[in-house]
Protein backbone atom coordinates (compact mmCIF):
# COMPACT_ATOMS: atom_id res chain seq x y z
CA UNK A 1 99.36 90.26 68.81
CA UNK A 2 101.71 87.88 67.01
CA UNK A 3 100.31 84.40 66.40
CA UNK A 4 101.69 81.62 68.56
CA UNK A 5 104.11 79.74 66.25
CA UNK A 6 103.59 76.53 68.25
CA UNK A 7 99.78 76.54 67.76
CA UNK A 8 99.25 74.53 64.60
CA UNK A 9 95.71 74.39 63.18
CA UNK A 10 94.85 71.28 61.19
CA UNK A 11 91.39 72.79 60.53
CA UNK A 12 92.09 76.44 59.67
CA UNK A 13 90.47 79.25 61.60
CA UNK A 14 89.10 80.83 58.42
CA UNK A 15 87.09 77.65 57.86
CA UNK A 16 85.76 77.38 61.41
CA UNK A 17 84.61 81.01 61.49
CA UNK A 18 81.72 80.16 59.17
CA UNK A 19 80.15 78.21 62.06
CA UNK A 20 80.53 81.02 64.59
CA UNK A 21 77.43 82.77 65.89
CA UNK A 22 76.86 86.47 66.51
CA UNK A 23 79.15 86.21 69.54
CA UNK A 24 82.00 85.00 67.33
CA UNK A 25 81.96 81.57 68.95
CA UNK A 26 80.72 78.06 68.20
CA UNK A 27 79.97 74.94 70.18
CA UNK A 28 82.99 72.64 70.52
CA UNK A 29 82.26 69.00 71.35
CA UNK A 30 85.19 66.89 72.54
CA UNK A 31 85.59 63.47 74.14
CA UNK A 32 88.08 63.86 77.02
CA UNK A 33 87.44 60.25 78.10
CA UNK A 34 85.94 57.32 76.15
CA UNK A 35 82.62 57.63 77.99
CA UNK A 36 82.35 61.40 78.29
CA UNK A 37 81.36 64.04 75.75
CA UNK A 38 82.12 67.62 76.79
CA UNK A 39 80.80 70.76 75.14
CA UNK A 40 82.01 74.32 75.46
CA UNK A 41 81.33 77.49 73.49
CA UNK A 42 84.66 78.76 72.19
CA UNK A 43 86.28 80.98 69.58
CA UNK A 44 87.53 79.33 66.35
CA UNK A 45 91.10 79.87 67.55
CA UNK A 46 90.39 77.50 70.43
CA UNK A 47 89.69 74.38 68.38
CA UNK A 48 91.10 72.34 65.51
CA UNK A 49 94.72 72.70 66.58
CA UNK A 50 97.50 70.82 68.31
CA UNK A 51 100.56 72.45 69.80
CA UNK A 52 103.78 71.79 67.90
CA UNK A 53 101.98 69.36 65.58
CA UNK A 54 104.23 70.23 62.62
CA UNK A 55 107.32 70.79 64.73
CA UNK A 56 110.60 69.58 63.27
CA UNK A 57 113.10 69.76 66.16
CA UNK A 58 115.70 67.75 64.23
CA UNK A 59 115.74 70.16 61.31
CA UNK A 60 119.25 71.52 60.68
CA UNK A 61 118.69 73.85 57.72
CA UNK A 62 115.19 75.24 58.35
CA UNK A 63 113.55 76.59 61.48
CA UNK A 64 111.67 74.03 63.57
CA UNK A 65 108.22 75.48 62.65
CA UNK A 66 108.93 75.62 58.92
CA UNK A 67 106.03 73.31 57.99
CA UNK A 68 103.58 75.62 59.73
CA UNK A 69 105.04 78.97 58.65
CA UNK A 70 106.32 78.13 55.16
CA UNK A 71 103.83 75.51 54.04
CA UNK A 72 100.48 75.32 55.82
CA UNK A 73 100.10 79.05 56.41
CA UNK A 74 100.74 79.66 52.73
CA UNK A 75 98.30 76.93 51.66
CA UNK A 76 95.64 78.33 53.99
CA UNK A 77 96.19 81.91 52.89
CA UNK A 78 95.53 81.00 49.26
CA UNK A 79 92.62 78.70 50.14
CA UNK A 80 90.95 81.38 52.29
CA UNK A 81 90.55 83.61 49.23
CA UNK A 82 88.89 80.76 47.33
CA UNK A 83 86.73 79.95 50.35
CA UNK A 84 85.36 83.50 50.36
CA UNK A 85 84.45 83.21 46.68
CA UNK A 86 82.69 79.89 47.26
CA UNK A 87 80.64 81.44 50.07
CA UNK A 88 79.77 84.61 48.21
CA UNK A 89 76.13 85.15 47.21
CA UNK A 90 76.07 84.23 44.42
CA UNK A 91 79.29 82.18 44.49
CA UNK A 92 82.15 83.75 42.58
CA UNK A 93 83.76 82.28 39.48
CA UNK A 94 86.98 80.42 40.23
CA UNK A 95 90.07 81.11 38.15
CA UNK A 96 92.57 78.42 37.23
CA UNK A 97 94.78 79.72 40.02
CA UNK A 98 91.88 79.44 42.47
CA UNK A 99 91.16 75.85 41.48
CA UNK A 100 94.81 74.91 41.85
CA UNK A 101 95.02 76.53 45.31
CA UNK A 102 91.87 74.70 46.42
CA UNK A 103 93.17 71.38 45.08
CA UNK A 104 96.35 71.73 47.13
CA UNK A 105 94.29 72.65 50.21
CA UNK A 106 92.03 69.61 49.80
CA UNK A 107 95.00 67.34 49.20
CA UNK A 108 96.79 68.67 52.29
CA UNK A 109 93.71 68.09 54.44
CA UNK A 110 94.26 64.33 54.23
CA UNK A 111 97.70 64.56 55.80
CA UNK A 112 97.75 67.52 58.18
CA UNK A 113 95.64 66.06 61.01
CA UNK A 114 97.48 64.41 63.91
CA UNK A 115 96.55 60.95 62.60
CA UNK A 116 97.32 61.83 59.00
CA UNK A 117 100.73 63.21 59.90
CA UNK A 118 101.51 60.17 62.03
CA UNK A 119 100.60 57.87 59.14
CA UNK A 120 102.86 59.84 56.79
CA UNK A 121 105.76 59.60 59.22
CA UNK A 122 105.30 55.86 59.66
CA UNK A 123 104.90 54.99 55.98
CA UNK A 124 107.60 57.47 55.00
CA UNK A 125 110.07 55.94 57.46
CA UNK A 126 109.41 52.50 56.00
CA UNK A 127 109.99 53.80 52.48
CA UNK A 128 113.15 55.62 53.60
CA UNK A 129 114.61 52.47 55.14
CA UNK A 130 113.67 50.42 52.06
CA UNK A 131 115.36 52.97 49.79
CA UNK A 132 118.43 52.98 52.01
CA UNK A 133 118.68 49.20 51.85
CA UNK A 134 118.24 49.28 48.06
CA UNK A 135 121.25 51.59 47.82
CA UNK A 136 123.52 49.17 49.69
CA UNK A 137 125.25 47.87 46.55
CA UNK A 138 125.83 51.41 45.23
CA UNK A 139 127.01 52.93 48.50
CA UNK A 140 130.60 53.45 47.38
CA UNK A 141 129.34 55.27 44.30
CA UNK A 142 126.78 57.40 46.16
CA UNK A 143 128.57 58.31 49.39
CA UNK A 144 130.11 61.71 49.96
CA UNK A 145 133.62 62.45 51.24
CA UNK A 146 132.29 62.95 54.77
CA UNK A 147 130.43 59.61 54.86
CA UNK A 148 131.94 56.50 56.50
CA UNK A 149 133.71 53.97 54.28
CA UNK A 150 131.36 51.14 55.18
CA UNK A 151 127.63 51.08 54.47
CA UNK A 152 126.92 49.50 57.86
CA UNK A 153 128.69 52.38 59.62
CA UNK A 154 126.61 54.88 57.65
CA UNK A 155 123.37 53.13 58.64
CA UNK A 156 124.39 53.08 62.29
CA UNK A 157 124.76 56.86 62.23
CA UNK A 158 121.18 57.45 61.08
CA UNK A 159 118.84 58.35 63.94
CA UNK A 160 115.06 58.40 64.13
CA UNK A 161 115.31 62.18 64.03
CA UNK A 162 117.26 62.04 60.77
CA UNK A 163 114.61 59.81 59.21
CA UNK A 164 111.73 61.98 60.42
CA UNK A 165 113.41 65.11 59.12
CA UNK A 166 113.81 63.53 55.69
CA UNK A 167 110.18 62.38 55.64
CA UNK A 168 108.81 65.78 56.68
CA UNK A 169 110.72 67.45 53.85
CA UNK A 170 108.74 65.33 51.37
CA UNK A 171 105.36 66.64 52.56
CA UNK A 172 105.13 69.75 50.34
CA UNK A 173 105.78 67.55 47.32
CA UNK A 174 102.92 65.25 48.34
CA UNK A 175 100.48 68.18 48.51
CA UNK A 176 101.58 69.65 45.19
CA UNK A 177 102.12 66.39 43.28
CA UNK A 178 101.56 67.31 39.64
CA UNK A 179 99.68 64.10 38.89
CA UNK A 180 97.32 64.34 41.86
CA UNK A 181 96.70 68.07 41.59
CA UNK A 182 95.94 67.65 37.89
CA UNK A 183 93.24 65.10 38.75
CA UNK A 184 91.78 67.39 41.41
CA UNK A 185 91.92 70.41 39.10
CA UNK A 186 89.81 68.54 36.54
CA UNK A 187 86.99 67.78 38.98
CA UNK A 188 83.55 69.28 38.41
CA UNK A 189 82.33 71.55 41.21
CA UNK A 190 78.77 72.13 42.40
CA UNK A 191 77.50 74.09 45.38
CA UNK A 192 74.36 72.83 47.11
CA UNK A 193 72.47 75.11 49.50
CA UNK A 194 70.00 73.85 52.07
CA UNK A 195 66.96 75.56 53.52
CA UNK A 196 66.18 76.70 57.07
CA UNK A 197 63.72 73.85 57.69
CA UNK A 198 66.50 71.24 58.03
CA UNK A 199 69.45 70.99 60.46
CA UNK A 200 72.70 72.74 59.63
CA UNK A 201 75.85 71.06 58.42
CA UNK A 202 78.34 70.35 61.18
CA UNK A 203 82.15 70.53 61.14
CA UNK A 204 84.81 68.27 62.65
CA UNK A 205 88.42 67.23 62.24
CA UNK A 206 87.26 64.99 59.37
CA UNK A 207 84.90 67.20 57.35
CA UNK A 208 85.78 65.84 53.90
CA UNK A 209 83.20 63.13 53.15
CA UNK A 210 84.48 60.89 50.38
CA UNK A 211 83.90 57.72 48.43
CA UNK A 212 86.34 54.83 48.04
CA UNK A 213 88.53 56.93 45.77
CA UNK A 214 87.69 59.47 43.08
CA UNK A 215 88.38 57.42 39.98
CA UNK A 216 85.49 55.05 40.64
CA UNK A 217 81.83 55.10 39.71
CA UNK A 218 80.15 58.02 41.50
CA UNK A 219 83.49 59.00 43.05
CA UNK A 220 83.29 62.35 44.83
CA UNK A 221 84.31 64.61 47.69
CA UNK A 222 81.68 66.53 49.67
CA UNK A 223 82.62 69.18 52.19
CA UNK A 224 80.46 71.73 54.02
CA UNK A 225 81.80 75.22 53.49
CA UNK A 226 79.20 76.82 55.75
CA UNK A 227 76.32 75.58 57.91
CA UNK A 228 73.98 75.86 54.90
CA UNK A 229 76.28 75.23 51.96
CA UNK A 230 77.93 72.05 50.66
CA UNK A 231 80.64 71.86 48.03
CA UNK A 232 80.63 68.65 45.97
CA UNK A 233 83.53 67.72 43.69
CA UNK A 234 83.29 64.81 41.29
CA UNK A 235 84.88 63.30 38.21
CA UNK A 236 81.56 62.68 36.43
CA UNK A 237 78.74 65.19 36.19
CA UNK A 238 76.20 62.34 36.45
CA UNK A 239 77.11 62.03 40.13
CA UNK A 240 75.55 65.44 40.76
CA UNK A 241 72.24 64.15 39.41
CA UNK A 242 72.26 61.26 41.84
CA UNK A 243 73.14 63.42 44.81
CA UNK A 244 70.66 66.06 43.64
CA UNK A 245 67.78 63.61 43.98
CA UNK A 246 68.28 63.59 47.75
CA UNK A 247 66.09 65.85 49.87
CA UNK A 248 67.79 68.54 51.92
CA UNK A 249 67.21 66.50 55.06
CA UNK A 250 68.70 63.34 53.52
CA UNK A 251 71.71 65.28 52.28
CA UNK A 252 72.43 66.97 55.61
CA UNK A 253 71.96 63.75 57.54
CA UNK A 254 74.31 61.78 55.27
CA UNK A 255 77.06 64.42 55.44
CA UNK A 256 76.69 65.00 59.17
CA UNK A 257 76.84 61.28 59.90
CA UNK A 258 80.25 61.16 58.21
CA UNK A 259 81.48 64.30 59.95
CA UNK A 260 80.43 63.25 63.45
CA UNK A 261 81.11 59.51 63.21
CA UNK A 262 84.60 60.20 61.81
CA UNK A 263 85.48 62.77 64.48
CA UNK A 264 88.51 61.96 66.60
CA UNK A 265 89.16 65.31 68.26
CA UNK A 266 86.18 67.63 67.98
CA UNK A 267 82.81 68.38 66.42
CA UNK A 268 81.79 71.98 65.85
CA UNK A 269 78.26 73.39 65.66
CA UNK A 270 76.74 76.85 65.55
CA UNK A 271 74.37 75.95 68.41
CA UNK A 272 73.18 73.06 70.58
CA UNK A 273 70.24 72.03 68.40
CA UNK A 274 71.96 68.80 67.30
CA UNK A 275 73.33 67.91 70.71
CA UNK A 276 71.77 64.41 70.83
CA UNK A 277 72.86 63.59 67.27
CA UNK A 278 76.45 64.51 68.09
CA UNK A 279 76.59 62.73 71.43
CA UNK A 280 75.18 59.50 69.98
CA UNK A 281 77.58 59.38 67.04
CA UNK A 282 80.81 61.06 68.08
CA UNK A 283 83.69 58.94 66.73
CA UNK A 284 81.75 55.70 66.29
CA UNK A 285 83.06 55.06 62.75
CA UNK A 286 86.64 56.32 62.50
CA UNK A 287 88.18 56.25 59.04
CA UNK A 288 91.75 55.17 58.50
CA UNK A 289 94.45 57.73 57.88
CA UNK A 290 95.84 57.76 54.37
CA UNK A 291 99.39 56.79 53.56
CA UNK A 292 101.53 58.88 51.26
CA UNK A 293 100.25 57.36 48.03
CA UNK A 294 96.51 57.55 48.76
CA UNK A 295 93.92 60.23 48.29
CA UNK A 296 92.59 60.07 44.75
CA UNK A 297 92.47 56.56 43.36
CA UNK A 298 91.71 54.55 46.48
CA UNK A 299 90.80 54.71 50.12
CA UNK A 300 89.93 51.12 50.75
CA UNK A 301 88.30 51.26 54.14
CA UNK A 302 86.20 54.38 53.58
CA UNK A 303 82.56 53.75 52.77
CA UNK A 304 80.83 55.46 49.87
CA UNK A 305 78.81 58.43 51.14
CA UNK A 306 76.40 61.20 50.23
CA UNK A 307 73.89 58.99 48.51
CA UNK A 308 76.14 57.00 46.19
CA UNK A 309 76.68 53.86 48.22
């Protein structure tokens, strides 16, 4: 069966499958109303998506689903291969190509959620309008034959759809920014496994626990890659020592607090053993969505996590 082109996963299915039980399903917690938490056992394909999330109906040169089919599906395809290596036993060695693919995947994760995409559109529109205004004095030099003679007439012809289309076309460049990807490629990686005596890691629409930027003391990313395995990425190796002094229970609790408290759309779990934890914390500490320039050096409202605060 051909995949539904309008079903756009902001948390890829390959990632969610790690939390599926023997029946191929996992528990999906959602909050349909502010005072109600609902839970249902579903397949990975039934969570972590929004219909037409990356739709570009105003696109004139590319098909309307180009962000999904040409960008995110390609990013996820490459990342899935790396994900399998990271979850191998023992974990496989990553090549330079693997590290680069994973860096792009991590970078994209900041912007591909409904809130992240909305923030990009809003900040991008502001930048677009500012750049347009800055070009006012050079309009006669920059305009094409088909453009109006007057700058004001040109501005009046620009619609919200035109602006959104222009902003969406910048997204692939944000994910693959040479400067940012270089920083991410130079991070040190460590995998931390936890034992069966402590709860499992959970998953949500915000599963990337992070400090107030990477280029700060103890700056790191921490992301569960399975219910018993955590991937930590940091600039300084000393950060591993600090995190490594945590017990398994402390580590799981710290990561799961981030994942559940930051959840806007769903929390995923292999079973119902952490039902009370999830219900008590679902979405109580939402983190702001990043604008186009954030993601490595700063994230001002995010608290430091995983034992380095």
